[in-house]
Amino acid sequence: MKINFNWGTGIALSYIIFVLGTLLMVFIFMNQDVGLETDDYYAKGLEYQKQIDKIERTNQLNEQLDIIQKKDSIIFNFPKIFESEKISGEIYFYRPSSNTKDFKVKIELTNSNQQIFTNKLDKGLWKIKVDWFANNQNYYNEKIIMIN
């Protein structure tokens, strides 16, 4: 049996391959997990001015929060100007690639205004968001770290 391959057959095969490829891509992309950063992003967007105010207030401090990444720990050195003040708040570990790995830790400082986080983080990119309160003011810091 001889197959006659001419221009018409080539064009028909091209269309068939194109349609099958398109359908395959649609199937693959429709089955991808699309996790939003937050479920209530609209309400969070409206409250962002408060966040901007916290960041500006934090940038005006003479001494900044220092986040140091060591091999097996992350050290948070809070400003010494607040040593006599009670510092409270949360440290939010945000994983951009998977919102199921996000978690929060309450700020509990040592006598030297430090908090040491020793739990093992998964390898990859993490954004650390520190939302803290001292001297009747709210402050906010962020740092991106890479765990190897």
N, C-alpha and C. Protein backbone atom coordinates (compact mmCIF):
# COMPACT_ATOMS: atom_id res chain seq x y z
N MET A 1 0.84 -1.17 0.00
CA MET A 1 0.00 0.00 0.00
C MET A 1 0.88 1.24 0.00
N LYS A 2 0.66 2.05 -0.98
CA LYS A 2 1.46 3.24 -1.15
C LYS A 2 0.67 4.45 -0.64
N ILE A 3 1.34 5.27 0.23
CA ILE A 3 0.71 6.49 0.75
C ILE A 3 1.17 7.64 -0.12
N ASN A 4 0.21 8.35 -0.65
CA ASN A 4 0.51 9.49 -1.50
C ASN A 4 0.67 10.73 -0.62
N PHE A 5 1.91 11.22 -0.46
CA PHE A 5 2.20 12.37 0.38
C PHE A 5 2.41 13.57 -0.52
N ASN A 6 1.44 14.48 -0.49
CA ASN A 6 1.55 15.69 -1.30
C ASN A 6 1.32 16.91 -0.41
N TRP A 7 1.17 18.07 -1.01
CA TRP A 7 0.98 19.32 -0.26
C TRP A 7 -0.26 19.27 0.62
N GLY A 8 -1.32 18.75 0.14
CA GLY A 8 -2.56 18.67 0.90
C GLY A 8 -2.40 17.81 2.15
N THR A 9 -1.71 16.68 2.01
CA THR A 9 -1.47 15.80 3.15
C THR A 9 -0.58 16.49 4.18
N GLY A 10 0.43 17.19 3.75
CA GLY A 10 1.35 17.91 4.64
C GLY A 10 0.63 19.01 5.41
N ILE A 11 -0.22 19.75 4.73
CA ILE A 11 -0.98 20.81 5.39
C ILE A 11 -1.95 20.21 6.39
N ALA A 12 -2.63 19.15 6.04
CA ALA A 12 -3.58 18.49 6.96
C ALA A 12 -2.84 17.96 8.19
N LEU A 13 -1.68 17.32 7.99
CA LEU A 13 -0.90 16.83 9.14
C LEU A 13 -0.43 18.00 10.03
N SER A 14 -0.03 19.10 9.42
CA SER A 14 0.40 20.27 10.20
C SER A 14 -0.73 20.78 11.07
N TYR A 15 -1.93 20.89 10.51
CA TYR A 15 -3.08 21.35 11.28
C TYR A 15 -3.41 20.38 12.42
N ILE A 16 -3.37 19.10 12.14
CA ILE A 16 -3.67 18.10 13.16
C ILE A 16 -2.65 18.16 14.30
N ILE A 17 -1.37 18.25 13.95
CA ILE A 17 -0.33 18.34 14.98
C ILE A 17 -0.48 19.62 15.78
N PHE A 18 -0.80 20.73 15.12
CA PHE A 18 -1.00 22.00 15.82
C PHE A 18 -2.17 21.92 16.80
N VAL A 19 -3.29 21.37 16.37
CA VAL A 19 -4.47 21.26 17.24
C VAL A 19 -4.18 20.33 18.42
N LEU A 20 -3.54 19.19 18.16
CA LEU A 20 -3.21 18.27 19.24
C LEU A 20 -2.24 18.91 20.24
N GLY A 21 -1.25 19.63 19.73
CA GLY A 21 -0.31 20.33 20.61
C GLY A 21 -1.00 21.39 21.45
N THR A 22 -1.91 22.14 20.82
CA THR A 22 -2.67 23.17 21.55
C THR A 22 -3.53 22.55 22.64
N LEU A 23 -4.23 21.47 22.31
CA LEU A 23 -5.06 20.79 23.30
C LEU A 23 -4.21 20.22 24.45
N LEU A 24 -3.04 19.69 24.13
CA LEU A 24 -2.14 19.18 25.16
C LEU A 24 -1.70 20.32 26.10
N MET A 25 -1.33 21.46 25.55
CA MET A 25 -0.92 22.61 26.37
C MET A 25 -2.07 23.11 27.24
N VAL A 26 -3.26 23.18 26.68
CA VAL A 26 -4.43 23.61 27.46
C VAL A 26 -4.65 22.65 28.62
N PHE A 27 -4.55 21.36 28.36
CA PHE A 27 -4.74 20.36 29.41
C PHE A 27 -3.68 20.51 30.51
N ILE A 28 -2.43 20.68 30.12
CA ILE A 28 -1.33 20.81 31.10
C ILE A 28 -1.52 22.08 31.93
N PHE A 29 -1.79 23.21 31.29
CA PHE A 29 -1.90 24.48 32.01
C PHE A 29 -3.14 24.55 32.89
N MET A 30 -4.21 23.89 32.49
CA MET A 30 -5.43 23.92 33.30
C MET A 30 -5.28 23.08 34.57
N ASN A 31 -4.33 22.15 34.59
CA ASN A 31 -4.13 21.30 35.76
C ASN A 31 -3.03 21.81 36.69
N GLN A 32 -2.47 23.00 36.43
CA GLN A 32 -1.46 23.60 37.30
C GLN A 32 -2.12 24.23 38.51
N ASP A 33 -1.47 24.08 39.68
CA ASP A 33 -1.98 24.69 40.91
C ASP A 33 -1.59 26.17 40.91
N VAL A 34 -2.57 27.02 41.02
CA VAL A 34 -2.34 28.46 41.06
C VAL A 34 -2.72 28.93 42.45
N GLY A 35 -1.72 29.04 43.33
CA GLY A 35 -1.98 29.48 44.70
C GLY A 35 -1.81 30.98 44.81
N LEU A 36 -2.86 31.65 45.27
CA LEU A 36 -2.76 33.08 45.49
C LEU A 36 -1.92 33.35 46.72
N GLU A 37 -1.30 34.52 46.77
CA GLU A 37 -0.53 34.89 47.96
C GLU A 37 -1.44 34.94 49.18
N THR A 38 -2.62 35.43 48.98
CA THR A 38 -3.61 35.48 50.05
C THR A 38 -4.99 35.39 49.43
N ASP A 39 -5.93 34.83 50.15
CA ASP A 39 -7.28 34.67 49.62
C ASP A 39 -8.04 35.99 49.58
N ASP A 40 -7.75 36.88 50.50
CA ASP A 40 -8.47 38.16 50.56
C ASP A 40 -7.56 39.30 50.10
N TYR A 41 -6.99 39.16 48.90
CA TYR A 41 -6.02 40.13 48.41
C TYR A 41 -6.60 41.53 48.23
N TYR A 42 -7.88 41.65 47.94
CA TYR A 42 -8.48 42.97 47.74
C TYR A 42 -8.51 43.74 49.06
N ALA A 43 -8.95 43.09 50.13
CA ALA A 43 -8.98 43.75 51.44
C ALA A 43 -7.56 44.09 51.90
N LYS A 44 -6.61 43.20 51.62
CA LYS A 44 -5.22 43.48 51.98
C LYS A 44 -4.69 44.68 51.21
N GLY A 45 -5.09 44.83 49.97
CA GLY A 45 -4.65 45.96 49.17
C GLY A 45 -5.15 47.28 49.72
N LEU A 46 -6.36 47.29 50.24
CA LEU A 46 -6.90 48.51 50.82
C LEU A 46 -6.19 48.92 52.11
N GLU A 47 -5.66 47.95 52.83
CA GLU A 47 -4.97 48.22 54.09
C GLU A 47 -3.48 48.50 53.88
N TYR A 48 -3.01 48.54 52.66
CA TYR A 48 -1.59 48.66 52.40
C TYR A 48 -1.01 50.01 52.83
N GLN A 49 -1.82 51.05 52.93
CA GLN A 49 -1.31 52.34 53.38
C GLN A 49 -0.77 52.24 54.81
N LYS A 50 -1.42 51.45 55.64
CA LYS A 50 -0.91 51.23 57.00
C LYS A 50 0.47 50.58 56.96
N GLN A 51 0.63 49.66 56.02
CA GLN A 51 1.91 48.98 55.85
C GLN A 51 2.99 49.98 55.41
N ILE A 52 2.64 50.87 54.50
CA ILE A 52 3.59 51.88 54.04
C ILE A 52 4.00 52.77 55.20
N ASP A 53 3.07 53.15 56.05
CA ASP A 53 3.38 53.98 57.22
C ASP A 53 4.34 53.26 58.16
N LYS A 54 4.13 51.96 58.38
CA LYS A 54 5.04 51.19 59.24
C LYS A 54 6.45 51.16 58.65
N ILE A 55 6.54 50.95 57.35
CA ILE A 55 7.85 50.88 56.69
C ILE A 55 8.57 52.22 56.79
N GLU A 56 7.86 53.33 56.57
CA GLU A 56 8.48 54.65 56.68
C GLU A 56 8.95 54.91 58.10
N ARG A 57 8.15 54.54 59.09
CA ARG A 57 8.53 54.71 60.49
C ARG A 57 9.77 53.88 60.81
N THR A 58 9.83 52.66 60.28
CA THR A 58 10.98 51.79 60.51
C THR A 58 12.23 52.38 59.86
N ASN A 59 12.12 52.92 58.67
CA ASN A 59 13.28 53.50 57.98
C ASN A 59 13.82 54.73 58.69
N GLN A 60 13.01 55.39 59.50
CA GLN A 60 13.45 56.57 60.23
C GLN A 60 14.23 56.24 61.50
N LEU A 61 14.23 54.97 61.90
CA LEU A 61 14.98 54.57 63.10
C LEU A 61 16.48 54.73 62.87
N ASN A 62 17.20 55.12 63.92
CA ASN A 62 18.66 55.25 63.83
C ASN A 62 19.32 53.88 63.70
N GLU A 63 18.75 52.89 64.35
CA GLU A 63 19.27 51.53 64.31
C GLU A 63 18.18 50.63 63.75
N GLN A 64 18.55 49.75 62.84
CA GLN A 64 17.57 48.88 62.17
C GLN A 64 17.61 47.46 62.72
N LEU A 65 16.53 46.74 62.51
CA LEU A 65 16.48 45.33 62.82
C LEU A 65 17.47 44.62 61.90
N ASP A 66 18.30 43.77 62.48
CA ASP A 66 19.32 43.06 61.72
C ASP A 66 18.95 41.58 61.69
N ILE A 67 18.77 41.03 60.49
CA ILE A 67 18.43 39.61 60.33
C ILE A 67 19.66 38.92 59.74
N ILE A 68 20.23 38.00 60.52
CA ILE A 68 21.46 37.33 60.12
C ILE A 68 21.17 35.85 59.89
N GLN A 69 21.54 35.37 58.71
CA GLN A 69 21.35 33.96 58.37
C GLN A 69 22.65 33.22 58.64
N LYS A 70 22.58 32.25 59.55
CA LYS A 70 23.72 31.37 59.83
C LYS A 70 23.43 30.01 59.20
N LYS A 71 24.35 29.08 59.36
CA LYS A 71 24.18 27.76 58.75
C LYS A 71 22.93 27.04 59.24
N ASP A 72 22.71 27.05 60.56
CA ASP A 72 21.58 26.30 61.10
C ASP A 72 20.62 27.17 61.92
N SER A 73 20.67 28.48 61.73
CA SER A 73 19.75 29.36 62.47
C SER A 73 19.62 30.71 61.77
N ILE A 74 18.61 31.43 62.19
CA ILE A 74 18.41 32.81 61.73
C ILE A 74 18.30 33.66 62.99
N ILE A 75 19.12 34.69 63.08
CA ILE A 75 19.18 35.53 64.27
C ILE A 75 18.56 36.88 63.95
N PHE A 76 17.64 37.30 64.80
CA PHE A 76 16.98 38.60 64.67
C PHE A 76 17.51 39.50 65.78
N ASN A 77 18.30 40.50 65.42
CA ASN A 77 18.82 41.47 66.39
C ASN A 77 17.96 42.73 66.32
N PHE A 78 17.13 42.92 67.33
CA PHE A 78 16.27 44.10 67.36
C PHE A 78 17.06 45.30 67.85
N PRO A 79 16.68 46.52 67.46
CA PRO A 79 17.43 47.72 67.82
C PRO A 79 17.63 47.86 69.33
N LYS A 80 18.83 48.24 69.72
CA LYS A 80 19.17 48.40 71.14
C LYS A 80 18.44 49.58 71.77
N ILE A 81 17.94 50.50 70.95
CA ILE A 81 17.23 51.66 71.51
C ILE A 81 15.93 51.24 72.18
N PHE A 82 15.47 50.02 71.92
CA PHE A 82 14.24 49.52 72.53
C PHE A 82 14.51 48.50 73.63
N GLU A 83 15.75 48.46 74.17
CA GLU A 83 16.07 47.46 75.19
C GLU A 83 15.20 47.59 76.43
N SER A 84 14.84 48.80 76.79
CA SER A 84 14.01 48.96 77.98
C SER A 84 12.53 48.79 77.67
N GLU A 85 12.18 48.71 76.41
CA GLU A 85 10.79 48.57 75.98
C GLU A 85 10.45 47.11 75.75
N LYS A 86 9.19 46.79 75.87
CA LYS A 86 8.69 45.46 75.54
C LYS A 86 8.41 45.42 74.04
N ILE A 87 9.06 44.51 73.35
CA ILE A 87 8.85 44.35 71.91
C ILE A 87 7.97 43.12 71.70
N SER A 88 6.92 43.29 70.91
CA SER A 88 6.02 42.18 70.61
C SER A 88 5.75 42.16 69.11
N GLY A 89 5.12 41.10 68.67
CA GLY A 89 4.77 41.01 67.25
C GLY A 89 4.94 39.61 66.72
N GLU A 90 5.04 39.51 65.38
CA GLU A 90 5.15 38.22 64.72
C GLU A 90 6.22 38.25 63.64
N ILE A 91 6.82 37.10 63.44
CA ILE A 91 7.73 36.89 62.33
C ILE A 91 7.04 35.92 61.39
N TYR A 92 6.84 36.35 60.15
CA TYR A 92 6.11 35.57 59.16
C TYR A 92 7.10 35.04 58.13
N PHE A 93 7.18 33.72 58.02
CA PHE A 93 8.04 33.09 57.03
C PHE A 93 7.18 32.75 55.81
N TYR A 94 7.44 33.45 54.73
CA TYR A 94 6.62 33.35 53.51
C TYR A 94 7.42 32.63 52.43
N ARG A 95 6.84 31.59 51.88
CA ARG A 95 7.46 30.82 50.81
C ARG A 95 6.73 31.14 49.50
N PRO A 96 7.33 31.95 48.60
CA PRO A 96 6.62 32.33 47.37
C PRO A 96 6.20 31.16 46.49
N SER A 97 6.95 30.08 46.52
CA SER A 97 6.63 28.96 45.63
C SER A 97 5.50 28.07 46.14
N SER A 98 5.18 28.15 47.44
CA SER A 98 4.14 27.28 47.98
C SER A 98 3.55 27.90 49.24
N ASN A 99 2.31 28.36 49.16
CA ASN A 99 1.71 29.00 50.33
C ASN A 99 1.37 28.01 51.43
N THR A 100 1.47 26.72 51.16
CA THR A 100 1.21 25.73 52.21
C THR A 100 2.37 25.63 53.19
N LYS A 101 3.53 26.18 52.85
CA LYS A 101 4.70 26.11 53.73
C LYS A 101 4.87 27.38 54.57
N ASP A 102 4.00 28.37 54.38
CA ASP A 102 4.08 29.61 55.16
C ASP A 102 3.74 29.33 56.62
N PHE A 103 4.39 30.07 57.53
CA PHE A 103 4.06 29.96 58.95
C PHE A 103 4.49 31.21 59.69
N LYS A 104 3.97 31.37 60.91
CA LYS A 104 4.26 32.53 61.74
C LYS A 104 4.88 32.08 63.05
N VAL A 105 5.75 32.95 63.60
CA VAL A 105 6.38 32.71 64.89
C VAL A 105 6.19 33.98 65.72
N LYS A 106 5.79 33.81 66.96
CA LYS A 106 5.62 34.95 67.85
C LYS A 106 6.99 35.46 68.30
N ILE A 107 7.13 36.77 68.43
CA ILE A 107 8.39 37.35 68.88
C ILE A 107 8.52 37.15 70.38
N GLU A 108 9.59 36.47 70.78
CA GLU A 108 9.94 36.25 72.18
C GLU A 108 11.44 36.48 72.30
N LEU A 109 11.82 37.64 72.80
CA LEU A 109 13.22 38.06 72.80
C LEU A 109 13.98 37.56 74.01
N THR A 110 15.30 37.41 73.82
CA THR A 110 16.21 37.12 74.92
C THR A 110 16.53 38.45 75.61
N ASN A 111 17.36 38.40 76.64
CA ASN A 111 17.75 39.62 77.36
C ASN A 111 18.52 40.60 76.49
N SER A 112 19.16 40.13 75.44
CA SER A 112 19.95 41.00 74.58
C SER A 112 19.19 41.44 73.33
N ASN A 113 17.87 41.49 73.43
CA ASN A 113 17.02 41.92 72.30
C ASN A 113 17.23 41.08 71.04
N GLN A 114 17.40 39.79 71.21
CA GLN A 114 17.58 38.88 70.09
C GLN A 114 16.49 37.82 70.10
N GLN A 115 16.21 37.33 68.91
CA GLN A 115 15.41 36.13 68.78
C GLN A 115 16.16 35.22 67.83
N ILE A 116 16.33 33.98 68.24
CA ILE A 116 17.06 33.01 67.42
C ILE A 116 16.08 31.94 66.96
N PHE A 117 15.98 31.79 65.65
CA PHE A 117 15.09 30.80 65.06
C PHE A 117 15.96 29.65 64.58
N THR A 118 15.72 28.45 65.15
CA THR A 118 16.58 27.31 64.82
C THR A 118 15.87 26.19 64.07
N ASN A 119 14.58 26.31 63.82
CA ASN A 119 13.88 25.25 63.07
C ASN A 119 14.41 25.19 61.65
N LYS A 120 14.45 24.01 61.12
CA LYS A 120 14.97 23.81 59.77
C LYS A 120 13.95 24.26 58.73
N LEU A 121 14.39 25.13 57.82
CA LEU A 121 13.55 25.58 56.71
C LEU A 121 13.88 24.75 55.47
N ASP A 122 12.88 24.53 54.63
CA ASP A 122 13.10 23.85 53.37
C ASP A 122 14.03 24.67 52.49
N LYS A 123 14.76 23.99 51.64
CA LYS A 123 15.66 24.68 50.71
C LYS A 123 14.86 25.53 49.75
N GLY A 124 15.42 26.68 49.41
CA GLY A 124 14.78 27.56 48.45
C GLY A 124 14.67 28.99 48.95
N LEU A 125 13.87 29.77 48.26
CA LEU A 125 13.70 31.19 48.55
C LEU A 125 12.64 31.39 49.62
N TRP A 126 12.95 32.22 50.62
CA TRP A 126 12.02 32.59 51.69
C TRP A 126 12.02 34.09 51.85
N LYS A 127 10.86 34.64 52.12
CA LYS A 127 10.75 36.05 52.46
C LYS A 127 10.35 36.11 53.94
N ILE A 128 11.16 36.79 54.72
CA ILE A 128 10.89 36.93 56.15
C ILE A 128 10.28 38.30 56.37
N LYS A 129 9.08 38.32 56.94
CA LYS A 129 8.36 39.56 57.22
C LYS A 129 8.23 39.69 58.73
N VAL A 130 8.79 40.76 59.28
CA VAL A 130 8.75 40.98 60.73
C VAL A 130 7.84 42.17 61.00
N ASP A 131 6.71 41.91 61.62
CA ASP A 131 5.76 42.95 61.99
C ASP A 131 5.83 43.07 63.51
N TRP A 132 6.41 44.19 64.00
CA TRP A 132 6.67 44.29 65.43
C TRP A 132 6.19 45.63 66.00
N PHE A 133 6.03 45.62 67.32
CA PHE A 133 5.47 46.75 68.05
C PHE A 133 6.38 47.09 69.22
N ALA A 134 6.77 48.36 69.32
CA ALA A 134 7.58 48.83 70.45
C ALA A 134 7.36 50.32 70.61
N ASN A 135 7.42 50.78 71.87
CA ASN A 135 7.30 52.21 72.16
C ASN A 135 6.01 52.80 71.58
N ASN A 136 4.92 52.03 71.68
CA ASN A 136 3.59 52.44 71.20
C ASN A 136 3.55 52.74 69.70
N GLN A 137 4.44 52.12 68.94
CA GLN A 137 4.49 52.30 67.48
C GLN A 137 4.62 50.93 66.81
N ASN A 138 4.08 50.82 65.61
CA ASN A 138 4.23 49.61 64.81
C ASN A 138 5.37 49.79 63.82
N TYR A 139 6.14 48.72 63.62
CA TYR A 139 7.27 48.73 62.70
C TYR A 139 7.19 47.48 61.82
N TYR A 140 7.90 47.53 60.68
CA TYR A 140 7.83 46.42 59.74
C TYR A 140 9.14 46.30 58.99
N ASN A 141 9.66 45.08 58.90
CA ASN A 141 10.87 44.79 58.13
C ASN A 141 10.64 43.56 57.27
N GLU A 142 11.35 43.52 56.16
CA GLU A 142 11.33 42.35 55.27
C GLU A 142 12.75 42.02 54.85
N LYS A 143 13.01 40.73 54.67
CA LYS A 143 14.28 40.32 54.12
C LYS A 143 14.07 39.03 53.34
N ILE A 144 14.73 38.92 52.21
CA ILE A 144 14.66 37.71 51.40
C ILE A 144 15.93 36.92 51.65
N ILE A 145 15.75 35.62 51.94
CA ILE A 145 16.91 34.76 52.15
C ILE A 145 16.79 33.54 51.26
N MET A 146 17.94 32.92 51.00
CA MET A 146 17.98 31.70 50.21
C MET A 146 18.59 30.60 51.08
N ILE A 147 17.84 29.52 51.27
CA ILE A 147 18.31 28.38 52.05
C ILE A 147 18.89 27.35 51.08
N ASN A 148 20.13 26.99 51.31
CA ASN A 148 20.80 26.00 50.43
C ASN A 148 20.78 24.63 51.02
